[in-house]
N, C-alpha and C. Protein backbone atom coordinates (compact mmCIF):
# COMPACT_ATOMS: atom_id res chain seq x y z
N MET A 1 53.20 104.69 197.73
CA MET A 1 53.21 103.43 197.96
C MET A 1 54.43 102.59 197.97
N THR A 2 54.89 101.91 198.94
CA THR A 2 56.28 101.31 198.71
C THR A 2 56.12 99.88 198.64
N ILE A 3 57.15 99.45 198.09
CA ILE A 3 57.10 97.87 197.81
C ILE A 3 58.37 97.20 198.27
N SER A 4 58.29 96.19 199.08
CA SER A 4 59.47 95.57 199.61
C SER A 4 60.33 94.93 198.59
N ALA A 5 61.73 94.69 198.90
CA ALA A 5 62.53 94.14 197.90
C ALA A 5 62.12 92.80 197.50
N ALA A 6 61.64 92.00 198.54
CA ALA A 6 61.07 90.69 198.42
C ALA A 6 59.96 90.59 197.43
N ARG A 7 59.11 91.62 197.55
CA ARG A 7 57.80 91.50 196.55
C ARG A 7 58.34 91.96 195.31
N LEU A 8 59.29 92.94 195.22
CA LEU A 8 59.59 93.32 193.88
C LEU A 8 60.46 92.18 193.05
N LYS A 9 61.17 91.37 193.77
CA LYS A 9 61.93 90.21 193.25
C LYS A 9 60.79 89.23 192.67
N GLU A 10 59.67 88.87 193.61
CA GLU A 10 58.78 88.22 193.30
C GLU A 10 58.04 88.39 191.83
N LEU A 11 57.83 89.76 191.78
CA LEU A 11 57.02 90.29 190.60
C LEU A 11 58.04 90.20 189.39
N GLN A 12 59.19 90.45 189.40
CA GLN A 12 60.23 90.36 188.46
C GLN A 12 60.31 89.02 187.82
N LYS A 13 60.11 88.07 188.59
CA LYS A 13 60.12 86.47 188.22
C LYS A 13 58.95 86.23 187.51
N ARG A 14 57.62 86.82 187.34
CA ARG A 14 56.52 86.65 186.67
C ARG A 14 56.93 86.93 185.21
N GLN A 15 56.10 85.96 184.45
CA GLN A 15 56.19 86.01 183.02
C GLN A 15 55.12 86.97 182.61
N ASP A 16 55.30 87.70 181.37
CA ASP A 16 54.12 88.46 181.05
C ASP A 16 52.84 87.69 180.67
N ALA A 17 52.91 86.55 180.43
CA ALA A 17 51.91 85.47 180.17
C ALA A 17 50.97 85.37 181.46
N ASP A 18 51.65 85.45 182.58
CA ASP A 18 50.93 85.38 183.71
C ASP A 18 50.23 86.45 184.34
N ILE A 19 50.19 87.60 183.71
CA ILE A 19 49.44 88.87 183.96
C ILE A 19 48.16 88.79 183.66
N ASP A 20 47.03 88.96 184.51
CA ASP A 20 45.70 88.95 184.15
C ASP A 20 45.31 90.31 183.78
N TYR A 21 44.95 90.44 182.38
CA TYR A 21 44.47 91.63 181.98
C TYR A 21 42.82 91.72 181.72
N SER A 22 42.19 90.78 182.36
CA SER A 22 40.72 90.65 181.98
C SER A 22 39.85 91.80 182.38
N ASP A 23 40.52 92.57 183.55
CA ASP A 23 39.71 93.65 183.78
C ASP A 23 40.10 95.09 183.32
N ILE A 24 41.01 94.84 182.35
CA ILE A 24 41.37 96.12 181.60
C ILE A 24 40.84 96.08 180.25
N PRO A 25 40.09 97.14 179.78
CA PRO A 25 39.47 97.19 178.53
C PRO A 25 40.74 97.42 177.33
N GLU A 26 40.56 96.69 176.26
CA GLU A 26 41.61 96.66 175.29
C GLU A 26 41.26 98.26 174.77
N LEU A 27 42.38 98.90 174.15
CA LEU A 27 42.44 100.15 173.70
C LEU A 27 42.44 100.16 172.23
N ASP A 28 41.02 100.58 171.77
CA ASP A 28 40.77 100.40 170.25
C ASP A 28 40.97 101.76 169.55
N ASP A 29 40.63 101.79 168.07
CA ASP A 29 40.75 102.97 167.62
C ASP A 29 39.97 104.25 168.24
N ALA A 30 38.68 103.89 168.81
CA ALA A 30 37.87 104.91 169.28
C ALA A 30 38.58 105.46 170.61
N PHE A 31 39.39 104.80 171.14
CA PHE A 31 39.93 105.39 172.41
C PHE A 31 41.01 106.46 171.86
N PHE A 32 41.74 106.01 170.81
CA PHE A 32 42.90 106.95 170.59
C PHE A 32 42.42 108.18 169.60
N GLU A 33 41.04 107.94 169.08
CA GLU A 33 40.56 109.21 168.53
C GLU A 33 40.18 110.39 169.27
N THR A 34 40.06 110.06 170.71
CA THR A 34 39.55 111.17 171.65
C THR A 34 40.75 111.26 172.70
N ALA A 35 41.66 110.45 172.65
CA ALA A 35 42.83 110.58 173.62
C ALA A 35 43.65 111.86 173.40
N GLU A 36 43.96 112.58 174.77
CA GLU A 36 44.86 113.53 174.59
C GLU A 36 46.11 113.34 175.24
N LEU A 37 47.30 113.96 174.56
CA LEU A 37 48.61 113.73 175.30
C LEU A 37 48.74 114.89 176.43
N VAL A 38 49.11 114.38 177.51
CA VAL A 38 49.13 115.36 178.73
C VAL A 38 50.59 115.22 179.21
N THR A 39 51.36 116.35 178.96
CA THR A 39 52.78 116.41 179.28
C THR A 39 52.79 117.13 180.58
N PRO A 40 53.70 116.81 181.39
CA PRO A 40 53.88 117.58 182.69
C PRO A 40 54.37 119.00 182.34
N SER A 41 53.87 119.74 183.30
CA SER A 41 54.31 121.16 183.36
C SER A 41 55.76 121.32 183.96
N ALA A 42 56.30 122.43 183.29
CA ALA A 42 57.79 122.59 184.11
C ALA A 42 57.50 122.86 185.56
N LYS A 43 58.56 122.46 186.33
CA LYS A 43 58.67 122.70 187.73
C LYS A 43 59.49 123.90 188.21
N THR A 44 59.16 124.53 189.08
CA THR A 44 59.74 125.66 189.58
C THR A 44 60.39 125.43 191.09
N GLN A 45 61.56 125.48 191.40
CA GLN A 45 62.01 125.22 192.58
C GLN A 45 61.77 126.39 193.60
N ILE A 46 61.26 126.01 194.78
CA ILE A 46 60.81 127.24 195.78
C ILE A 46 61.37 126.74 196.96
N THR A 47 61.22 127.66 198.00
CA THR A 47 61.10 127.12 199.48
C THR A 47 59.83 127.51 199.98
N VAL A 48 59.39 126.50 200.59
CA VAL A 48 58.02 126.60 201.34
C VAL A 48 58.06 126.01 202.70
N ARG A 49 57.41 126.62 203.45
CA ARG A 49 57.23 126.26 204.93
C ARG A 49 56.05 125.24 205.22
N LEU A 50 56.19 124.22 205.75
CA LEU A 50 55.33 123.30 205.89
C LEU A 50 55.18 122.76 207.34
N ASP A 51 54.20 122.43 207.91
CA ASP A 51 54.15 121.87 209.38
C ASP A 51 54.97 120.53 209.26
N SER A 52 55.63 120.42 210.44
CA SER A 52 56.59 119.34 210.37
C SER A 52 55.92 118.00 210.40
N ASP A 53 54.83 117.85 210.89
CA ASP A 53 53.88 116.61 210.84
C ASP A 53 53.56 116.34 209.36
N VAL A 54 53.17 117.36 208.71
CA VAL A 54 52.85 117.16 207.34
C VAL A 54 53.91 116.60 206.33
N LEU A 55 55.03 117.39 206.45
CA LEU A 55 56.24 116.84 205.85
C LEU A 55 56.55 115.51 206.19
N ASP A 56 56.62 115.22 207.55
CA ASP A 56 56.98 113.78 208.05
C ASP A 56 56.08 112.89 207.36
N TRP A 57 54.80 113.09 207.26
CA TRP A 57 53.92 112.01 207.00
C TRP A 57 54.07 111.72 205.40
N PHE A 58 54.35 112.97 204.59
CA PHE A 58 54.70 112.54 203.20
C PHE A 58 55.97 111.99 202.93
N ARG A 59 56.86 112.18 203.66
CA ARG A 59 58.34 111.47 203.66
C ARG A 59 58.05 110.04 204.01
N GLU A 60 57.31 109.59 204.96
CA GLU A 60 57.07 108.40 205.42
C GLU A 60 56.51 107.46 204.08
N GLN A 61 55.86 108.30 203.16
CA GLN A 61 55.36 107.51 202.08
C GLN A 61 56.40 106.83 201.06
N GLY A 62 57.52 107.50 201.37
CA GLY A 62 58.73 106.78 200.46
C GLY A 62 59.12 107.83 199.36
N LYS A 63 59.98 107.30 198.44
CA LYS A 63 60.54 107.94 197.36
C LYS A 63 59.23 108.60 196.48
N GLY A 64 59.44 109.88 196.00
CA GLY A 64 58.47 110.47 195.15
C GLY A 64 57.57 111.38 196.01
N TYR A 65 57.87 111.52 197.32
CA TYR A 65 56.86 112.29 198.12
C TYR A 65 56.82 113.66 197.69
N GLN A 66 57.68 114.28 197.17
CA GLN A 66 57.47 115.71 196.60
C GLN A 66 56.48 115.69 195.40
N THR A 67 56.78 114.60 194.59
CA THR A 67 55.69 114.51 193.47
C THR A 67 54.36 114.36 193.98
N ARG A 68 54.15 113.46 195.00
CA ARG A 68 52.86 113.20 195.65
C ARG A 68 52.35 114.53 196.23
N MET A 69 53.12 115.28 196.84
CA MET A 69 52.78 116.58 197.46
C MET A 69 52.10 117.52 196.23
N ASN A 70 52.99 117.58 195.16
CA ASN A 70 52.68 118.49 194.11
C ASN A 70 51.23 117.92 193.47
N ALA A 71 50.95 116.63 193.50
CA ALA A 71 49.74 116.17 192.87
C ALA A 71 48.53 116.32 193.89
N VAL A 72 48.67 116.41 195.12
CA VAL A 72 47.71 116.89 196.06
C VAL A 72 47.27 118.36 195.77
N LEU A 73 48.34 119.00 195.61
CA LEU A 73 48.21 120.61 195.54
C LEU A 73 47.41 120.89 194.39
N LYS A 74 47.89 120.02 193.26
CA LYS A 74 47.25 120.25 191.79
C LYS A 74 45.73 119.89 191.87
N ALA A 75 45.42 118.82 192.59
CA ALA A 75 44.14 118.23 192.73
C ALA A 75 43.28 119.26 193.33
N TYR A 76 43.89 119.95 194.39
CA TYR A 76 42.93 120.96 195.07
C TYR A 76 42.85 122.14 194.34
N MET A 77 43.87 122.55 193.64
CA MET A 77 43.71 123.73 192.69
C MET A 77 42.65 123.47 191.51
N GLU A 78 42.62 122.28 190.80
CA GLU A 78 41.72 122.00 189.80
C GLU A 78 40.33 121.92 190.50
N SER A 79 40.16 121.34 191.81
CA SER A 79 38.86 121.37 192.30
C SER A 79 38.27 122.66 192.58
N GLN A 80 39.17 123.79 192.93
CA GLN A 80 38.82 125.06 193.29
C GLN A 80 38.47 125.73 191.90
N ARG A 81 39.21 125.47 190.95
CA ARG A 81 38.94 126.21 189.68
C ARG A 81 37.53 125.65 189.06
N ARG A 82 37.36 124.34 189.15
CA ARG A 82 35.86 123.90 188.75
C ARG A 82 34.81 124.55 189.63
N ARG A 83 35.07 124.62 190.91
CA ARG A 83 34.02 125.10 191.77
C ARG A 83 33.80 126.59 191.45
N SER A 84 34.91 127.41 191.11
CA SER A 84 34.54 128.74 190.88
C SER A 84 33.95 129.04 189.45
N ARG A 85 33.79 128.01 188.60
CA ARG A 85 33.15 128.29 187.30
C ARG A 85 31.70 128.35 187.29
């Protein structure tokens, strides 16, 4: 998701008190008793061949497209692992 410079400036002018948190539950002790710290795994640099239209589409999404590509692949990997159990 990209954000315009004008929208970013608008958001930076907002005060913290103006943020509506009403739809976000407060994190209490019960949450932290079961919370798990998830750290990103190490990345390995590779060369991969992709269809041009696939790469173009991800690049059009803006900065961080490689991270998003990794997230899509990871989600697929995890769904296949769950499926095979």
